[in-house]
Amino acid sequence: MGLTLFRLALALGWGILLWITVQAGLQLGFDKAGDFFFGDMAHPWRAQFNIDFGFHLLLTAAWMIWSAQNRLVGLLCAVLAIMGGAVFTFAYLLAQTFLKGGNLKAVVLGRHYIV
């Protein structure tokens, strides 16, 4: 039951974020995300949120490199996680739950998982 809820949360979160991302891109331009992210740094709370989010993305990227079976694939996924945020990461995690047969230890530890 827990794995099913986790997968549903990932799928729902991915769908919502994808929809919001497409709407923002259509309204403001897909090339403007960086302008807004870095432009908001003048506001103290937005700067705090964006820097917090940036560190979260870097930690996620480091985990993807560390856990990947192949370092080159891990590096590619890390770049996609940084550029795509949760839109990429949620889809990645959802796919991994199926590829690893629902074994969350194998998902988290990747190549470091020992049977």
N, C-alpha and C. Protein backbone atom coordinates (compact mmCIF):
# COMPACT_ATOMS: atom_id res chain seq x y z
N MET A 1 0.83 -1.20 0.00
CA MET A 1 0.00 0.00 0.00
C MET A 1 0.87 1.26 0.00
N GLY A 2 1.96 1.25 0.79
CA GLY A 2 2.84 2.40 0.88
C GLY A 2 3.49 2.75 -0.46
N LEU A 3 3.94 1.71 -1.19
CA LEU A 3 4.57 1.95 -2.48
C LEU A 3 3.57 2.52 -3.48
N THR A 4 2.36 2.01 -3.44
CA THR A 4 1.31 2.52 -4.33
C THR A 4 1.03 3.99 -4.05
N LEU A 5 0.95 4.37 -2.78
CA LEU A 5 0.72 5.77 -2.43
C LEU A 5 1.90 6.65 -2.86
N PHE A 6 3.11 6.13 -2.69
CA PHE A 6 4.30 6.86 -3.12
C PHE A 6 4.26 7.09 -4.63
N ARG A 7 3.94 6.04 -5.38
CA ARG A 7 3.84 6.18 -6.83
C ARG A 7 2.74 7.14 -7.24
N LEU A 8 1.61 7.07 -6.57
CA LEU A 8 0.50 7.99 -6.88
C LEU A 8 0.90 9.44 -6.58
N ALA A 9 1.58 9.66 -5.46
CA ALA A 9 2.02 11.01 -5.11
C ALA A 9 3.01 11.53 -6.15
N LEU A 10 3.94 10.68 -6.58
CA LEU A 10 4.89 11.09 -7.62
C LEU A 10 4.16 11.42 -8.92
N ALA A 11 3.24 10.56 -9.32
CA ALA A 11 2.52 10.77 -10.58
C ALA A 11 1.65 12.03 -10.51
N LEU A 12 0.96 12.23 -9.40
CA LEU A 12 0.11 13.41 -9.24
C LEU A 12 0.96 14.68 -9.21
N GLY A 13 2.03 14.65 -8.41
CA GLY A 13 2.93 15.81 -8.35
C GLY A 13 3.54 16.12 -9.70
N TRP A 14 3.96 15.07 -10.42
CA TRP A 14 4.54 15.26 -11.75
C TRP A 14 3.52 15.89 -12.70
N GLY A 15 2.30 15.38 -12.70
CA GLY A 15 1.27 15.92 -13.58
C GLY A 15 0.96 17.38 -13.29
N ILE A 16 0.83 17.72 -12.01
CA ILE A 16 0.54 19.11 -11.63
C ILE A 16 1.70 20.02 -12.04
N LEU A 17 2.92 19.61 -11.72
CA LEU A 17 4.08 20.44 -12.05
C LEU A 17 4.28 20.58 -13.56
N LEU A 18 4.03 19.50 -14.29
CA LEU A 18 4.15 19.58 -15.74
C LEU A 18 3.14 20.57 -16.30
N TRP A 19 1.90 20.50 -15.83
CA TRP A 19 0.86 21.41 -16.31
C TRP A 19 1.23 22.87 -15.99
N ILE A 20 1.67 23.12 -14.75
CA ILE A 20 2.05 24.48 -14.36
C ILE A 20 3.24 24.96 -15.18
N THR A 21 4.19 24.08 -15.42
CA THR A 21 5.38 24.44 -16.20
C THR A 21 5.00 24.81 -17.63
N VAL A 22 4.14 24.01 -18.23
CA VAL A 22 3.71 24.30 -19.61
C VAL A 22 2.95 25.62 -19.65
N GLN A 23 2.08 25.86 -18.68
CA GLN A 23 1.32 27.11 -18.64
C GLN A 23 2.26 28.31 -18.50
N ALA A 24 3.24 28.21 -17.61
CA ALA A 24 4.21 29.31 -17.42
C ALA A 24 5.00 29.54 -18.70
N GLY A 25 5.43 28.45 -19.33
CA GLY A 25 6.19 28.57 -20.57
C GLY A 25 5.40 29.20 -21.68
N LEU A 26 4.14 28.82 -21.80
CA LEU A 26 3.29 29.39 -22.85
C LEU A 26 2.99 30.87 -22.60
N GLN A 27 2.80 31.23 -21.34
CA GLN A 27 2.45 32.62 -21.02
C GLN A 27 3.65 33.55 -21.01
N LEU A 28 4.79 33.08 -20.49
CA LEU A 28 5.94 33.96 -20.29
C LEU A 28 7.15 33.61 -21.14
N GLY A 29 7.12 32.44 -21.75
CA GLY A 29 8.26 31.99 -22.56
C GLY A 29 9.10 30.97 -21.81
N PHE A 30 9.44 29.90 -22.47
CA PHE A 30 10.22 28.84 -21.84
C PHE A 30 11.66 29.28 -21.56
N ASP A 31 12.11 30.29 -22.24
CA ASP A 31 13.48 30.77 -22.04
C ASP A 31 13.60 31.78 -20.89
N LYS A 32 12.52 32.07 -20.22
CA LYS A 32 12.52 33.11 -19.19
C LYS A 32 12.66 32.57 -17.76
N ALA A 33 12.65 31.27 -17.57
CA ALA A 33 12.69 30.70 -16.22
C ALA A 33 13.90 31.18 -15.44
N GLY A 34 15.07 31.18 -16.04
CA GLY A 34 16.28 31.64 -15.37
C GLY A 34 16.21 33.11 -14.99
N ASP A 35 15.61 33.92 -15.86
CA ASP A 35 15.47 35.35 -15.57
C ASP A 35 14.66 35.56 -14.29
N PHE A 36 13.57 34.81 -14.16
CA PHE A 36 12.73 34.95 -12.96
C PHE A 36 13.43 34.39 -11.73
N PHE A 37 14.08 33.23 -11.88
CA PHE A 37 14.77 32.59 -10.76
C PHE A 37 15.83 33.53 -10.19
N PHE A 38 16.71 34.03 -11.04
CA PHE A 38 17.79 34.88 -10.57
C PHE A 38 17.33 36.32 -10.31
N GLY A 39 16.34 36.78 -11.04
CA GLY A 39 15.82 38.12 -10.84
C GLY A 39 15.13 38.31 -9.51
N ASP A 40 14.58 37.24 -8.97
CA ASP A 40 13.89 37.31 -7.68
C ASP A 40 14.84 37.38 -6.49
N MET A 41 16.13 37.28 -6.71
CA MET A 41 17.09 37.26 -5.61
C MET A 41 17.13 38.58 -4.83
N ALA A 42 16.58 39.66 -5.40
CA ALA A 42 16.56 40.94 -4.70
C ALA A 42 15.59 40.92 -3.51
N HIS A 43 14.59 40.06 -3.57
CA HIS A 43 13.62 39.95 -2.49
C HIS A 43 14.16 38.92 -1.49
N PRO A 44 14.31 39.28 -0.21
CA PRO A 44 14.95 38.36 0.75
C PRO A 44 14.30 36.98 0.86
N TRP A 45 12.97 36.91 0.91
CA TRP A 45 12.33 35.60 1.05
C TRP A 45 12.40 34.79 -0.25
N ARG A 46 12.29 35.45 -1.38
CA ARG A 46 12.42 34.73 -2.65
C ARG A 46 13.86 34.24 -2.82
N ALA A 47 14.81 35.07 -2.39
CA ALA A 47 16.21 34.65 -2.45
C ALA A 47 16.43 33.43 -1.56
N GLN A 48 15.85 33.45 -0.36
CA GLN A 48 15.99 32.31 0.55
C GLN A 48 15.39 31.06 -0.08
N PHE A 49 14.19 31.20 -0.63
CA PHE A 49 13.53 30.04 -1.25
C PHE A 49 14.33 29.53 -2.44
N ASN A 50 14.78 30.43 -3.31
CA ASN A 50 15.51 30.01 -4.51
C ASN A 50 16.85 29.37 -4.18
N ILE A 51 17.55 29.91 -3.18
CA ILE A 51 18.83 29.31 -2.79
C ILE A 51 18.59 27.95 -2.13
N ASP A 52 17.58 27.85 -1.29
CA ASP A 52 17.20 26.56 -0.68
C ASP A 52 16.89 25.55 -1.77
N PHE A 53 16.08 25.96 -2.74
CA PHE A 53 15.71 25.09 -3.85
C PHE A 53 16.93 24.69 -4.68
N GLY A 54 17.83 25.66 -4.91
CA GLY A 54 19.05 25.36 -5.66
C GLY A 54 19.91 24.32 -4.97
N PHE A 55 20.05 24.43 -3.66
CA PHE A 55 20.82 23.42 -2.91
C PHE A 55 20.14 22.06 -2.97
N HIS A 56 18.81 22.07 -2.91
CA HIS A 56 18.06 20.81 -3.04
C HIS A 56 18.34 20.16 -4.40
N LEU A 57 18.34 20.97 -5.44
CA LEU A 57 18.62 20.44 -6.78
C LEU A 57 20.04 19.88 -6.87
N LEU A 58 21.01 20.58 -6.28
CA LEU A 58 22.39 20.09 -6.30
C LEU A 58 22.54 18.79 -5.52
N LEU A 59 21.86 18.68 -4.38
CA LEU A 59 21.90 17.44 -3.61
C LEU A 59 21.27 16.29 -4.39
N THR A 60 20.14 16.55 -5.02
CA THR A 60 19.48 15.54 -5.86
C THR A 60 20.40 15.12 -7.00
N ALA A 61 21.05 16.08 -7.64
CA ALA A 61 21.96 15.78 -8.74
C ALA A 61 23.14 14.93 -8.25
N ALA A 62 23.69 15.28 -7.10
CA ALA A 62 24.81 14.50 -6.54
C ALA A 62 24.37 13.07 -6.25
N TRP A 63 23.17 12.90 -5.71
CA TRP A 63 22.65 11.55 -5.44
C TRP A 63 22.49 10.76 -6.74
N MET A 64 22.00 11.41 -7.78
CA MET A 64 21.82 10.71 -9.05
C MET A 64 23.15 10.23 -9.62
N ILE A 65 24.19 11.04 -9.51
CA ILE A 65 25.51 10.63 -9.98
C ILE A 65 26.03 9.49 -9.12
N TRP A 66 25.90 9.62 -7.81
CA TRP A 66 26.41 8.62 -6.86
C TRP A 66 25.72 7.26 -7.03
N SER A 67 24.41 7.28 -7.24
CA SER A 67 23.66 6.02 -7.25
C SER A 67 23.56 5.36 -8.63
N ALA A 68 23.85 6.09 -9.69
CA ALA A 68 23.66 5.57 -11.05
C ALA A 68 24.56 4.37 -11.33
N GLN A 69 24.03 3.43 -12.10
CA GLN A 69 24.81 2.27 -12.52
C GLN A 69 25.97 2.70 -13.41
N ASN A 70 25.73 3.73 -14.20
CA ASN A 70 26.72 4.26 -15.13
C ASN A 70 26.91 5.74 -14.82
N ARG A 71 28.14 6.17 -14.58
CA ARG A 71 28.40 7.56 -14.19
C ARG A 71 27.98 8.56 -15.26
N LEU A 72 28.13 8.20 -16.53
CA LEU A 72 27.72 9.11 -17.60
C LEU A 72 26.21 9.30 -17.60
N VAL A 73 25.47 8.22 -17.41
CA VAL A 73 24.01 8.31 -17.30
C VAL A 73 23.64 9.11 -16.06
N GLY A 74 24.36 8.89 -14.97
CA GLY A 74 24.12 9.64 -13.75
C GLY A 74 24.34 11.13 -13.95
N LEU A 75 25.40 11.47 -14.67
CA LEU A 75 25.69 12.88 -14.95
C LEU A 75 24.60 13.50 -15.81
N LEU A 76 24.15 12.77 -16.81
CA LEU A 76 23.05 13.25 -17.66
C LEU A 76 21.79 13.47 -16.83
N CYS A 77 21.46 12.51 -15.98
CA CYS A 77 20.27 12.65 -15.12
C CYS A 77 20.43 13.82 -14.15
N ALA A 78 21.65 14.03 -13.65
CA ALA A 78 21.92 15.14 -12.74
C ALA A 78 21.65 16.47 -13.44
N VAL A 79 22.12 16.61 -14.65
CA VAL A 79 21.89 17.85 -15.41
C VAL A 79 20.39 18.04 -15.66
N LEU A 80 19.71 16.96 -16.02
CA LEU A 80 18.26 17.05 -16.25
C LEU A 80 17.51 17.39 -14.97
N ALA A 81 17.98 16.87 -13.83
CA ALA A 81 17.34 17.19 -12.54
C ALA A 81 17.53 18.66 -12.20
N ILE A 82 18.73 19.19 -12.45
CA ILE A 82 18.97 20.61 -12.17
C ILE A 82 18.14 21.49 -13.10
N MET A 83 18.10 21.14 -14.36
CA MET A 83 17.37 21.96 -15.33
C MET A 83 15.85 21.76 -15.25
N GLY A 84 15.42 20.56 -14.91
CA GLY A 84 13.99 20.24 -14.92
C GLY A 84 13.33 20.18 -13.56
N GLY A 85 14.12 20.22 -12.49
CA GLY A 85 13.54 20.16 -11.15
C GLY A 85 12.73 18.90 -10.93
N ALA A 86 11.64 19.06 -10.21
CA ALA A 86 10.80 17.92 -9.87
C ALA A 86 10.08 17.33 -11.08
N VAL A 87 9.91 18.11 -12.15
CA VAL A 87 9.29 17.55 -13.35
C VAL A 87 10.12 16.37 -13.85
N PHE A 88 11.45 16.50 -13.81
CA PHE A 88 12.30 15.37 -14.18
C PHE A 88 12.45 14.38 -13.02
N THR A 89 12.73 14.89 -11.82
CA THR A 89 13.04 14.01 -10.69
C THR A 89 11.88 13.10 -10.33
N PHE A 90 10.66 13.61 -10.33
CA PHE A 90 9.51 12.77 -10.00
C PHE A 90 9.33 11.66 -11.03
N ALA A 91 9.48 12.00 -12.32
CA ALA A 91 9.37 10.98 -13.37
C ALA A 91 10.49 9.95 -13.22
N TYR A 92 11.70 10.41 -12.91
CA TYR A 92 12.85 9.52 -12.71
C TYR A 92 12.57 8.54 -11.55
N LEU A 93 12.13 9.08 -10.42
CA LEU A 93 11.84 8.23 -9.26
C LEU A 93 10.72 7.24 -9.54
N LEU A 94 9.68 7.70 -10.21
CA LEU A 94 8.57 6.81 -10.56
C LEU A 94 9.06 5.67 -11.45
N ALA A 95 9.83 6.00 -12.47
CA ALA A 95 10.38 4.97 -13.35
C ALA A 95 11.27 4.00 -12.57
N GLN A 96 12.09 4.53 -11.67
CA GLN A 96 12.99 3.67 -10.89
C GLN A 96 12.22 2.69 -10.01
N THR A 97 11.06 3.11 -9.47
CA THR A 97 10.28 2.18 -8.64
C THR A 97 9.82 0.98 -9.45
N PHE A 98 9.57 1.17 -10.73
CA PHE A 98 9.19 0.04 -11.58
C PHE A 98 10.41 -0.74 -12.04
N LEU A 99 11.47 -0.05 -12.42
CA LEU A 99 12.69 -0.73 -12.89
C LEU A 99 13.32 -1.58 -11.79
N LYS A 100 13.19 -1.14 -10.54
CA LYS A 100 13.79 -1.86 -9.41
C LYS A 100 12.77 -2.78 -8.74
N GLY A 101 11.67 -3.03 -9.41
CA GLY A 101 10.67 -3.97 -8.89
C GLY A 101 10.03 -3.56 -7.57
N GLY A 102 9.94 -2.25 -7.33
CA GLY A 102 9.31 -1.77 -6.11
C GLY A 102 10.22 -1.80 -4.89
N ASN A 103 11.48 -2.14 -5.07
CA ASN A 103 12.44 -2.20 -3.97
C ASN A 103 13.00 -0.80 -3.74
N LEU A 104 12.47 -0.09 -2.73
CA LEU A 104 12.89 1.28 -2.48
C LEU A 104 14.33 1.39 -2.01
N LYS A 105 14.84 0.35 -1.34
CA LYS A 105 16.26 0.37 -0.96
C LYS A 105 17.13 0.37 -2.22
N ALA A 106 16.74 -0.41 -3.20
CA ALA A 106 17.48 -0.45 -4.47
C ALA A 106 17.36 0.87 -5.21
N VAL A 107 16.20 1.53 -5.11
CA VAL A 107 16.02 2.83 -5.76
C VAL A 107 16.95 3.86 -5.13
N VAL A 108 16.99 3.90 -3.82
CA VAL A 108 17.77 4.92 -3.11
C VAL A 108 19.28 4.65 -3.23
N LEU A 109 19.68 3.40 -3.07
CA LEU A 109 21.10 3.08 -3.07
C LEU A 109 21.68 2.85 -4.46
N GLY A 110 20.83 2.55 -5.44
CA GLY A 110 21.29 2.34 -6.82
C GLY A 110 22.38 1.29 -6.91
N ARG A 111 23.51 1.66 -7.50
CA ARG A 111 24.59 0.68 -7.70
C ARG A 111 25.23 0.23 -6.40
N HIS A 112 24.94 0.91 -5.30
CA HIS A 112 25.51 0.54 -4.01
C HIS A 112 24.63 -0.47 -3.27
N TYR A 113 23.48 -0.83 -3.83
CA TYR A 113 22.58 -1.79 -3.21
C TYR A 113 23.17 -3.19 -3.34
N ILE A 114 23.25 -3.88 -2.22
CA ILE A 114 23.76 -5.26 -2.22
C ILE A 114 22.61 -6.17 -1.82
N VAL A 115 22.36 -7.15 -2.65
CA VAL A 115 21.27 -8.09 -2.42
C VAL A 115 21.59 -9.01 -1.27
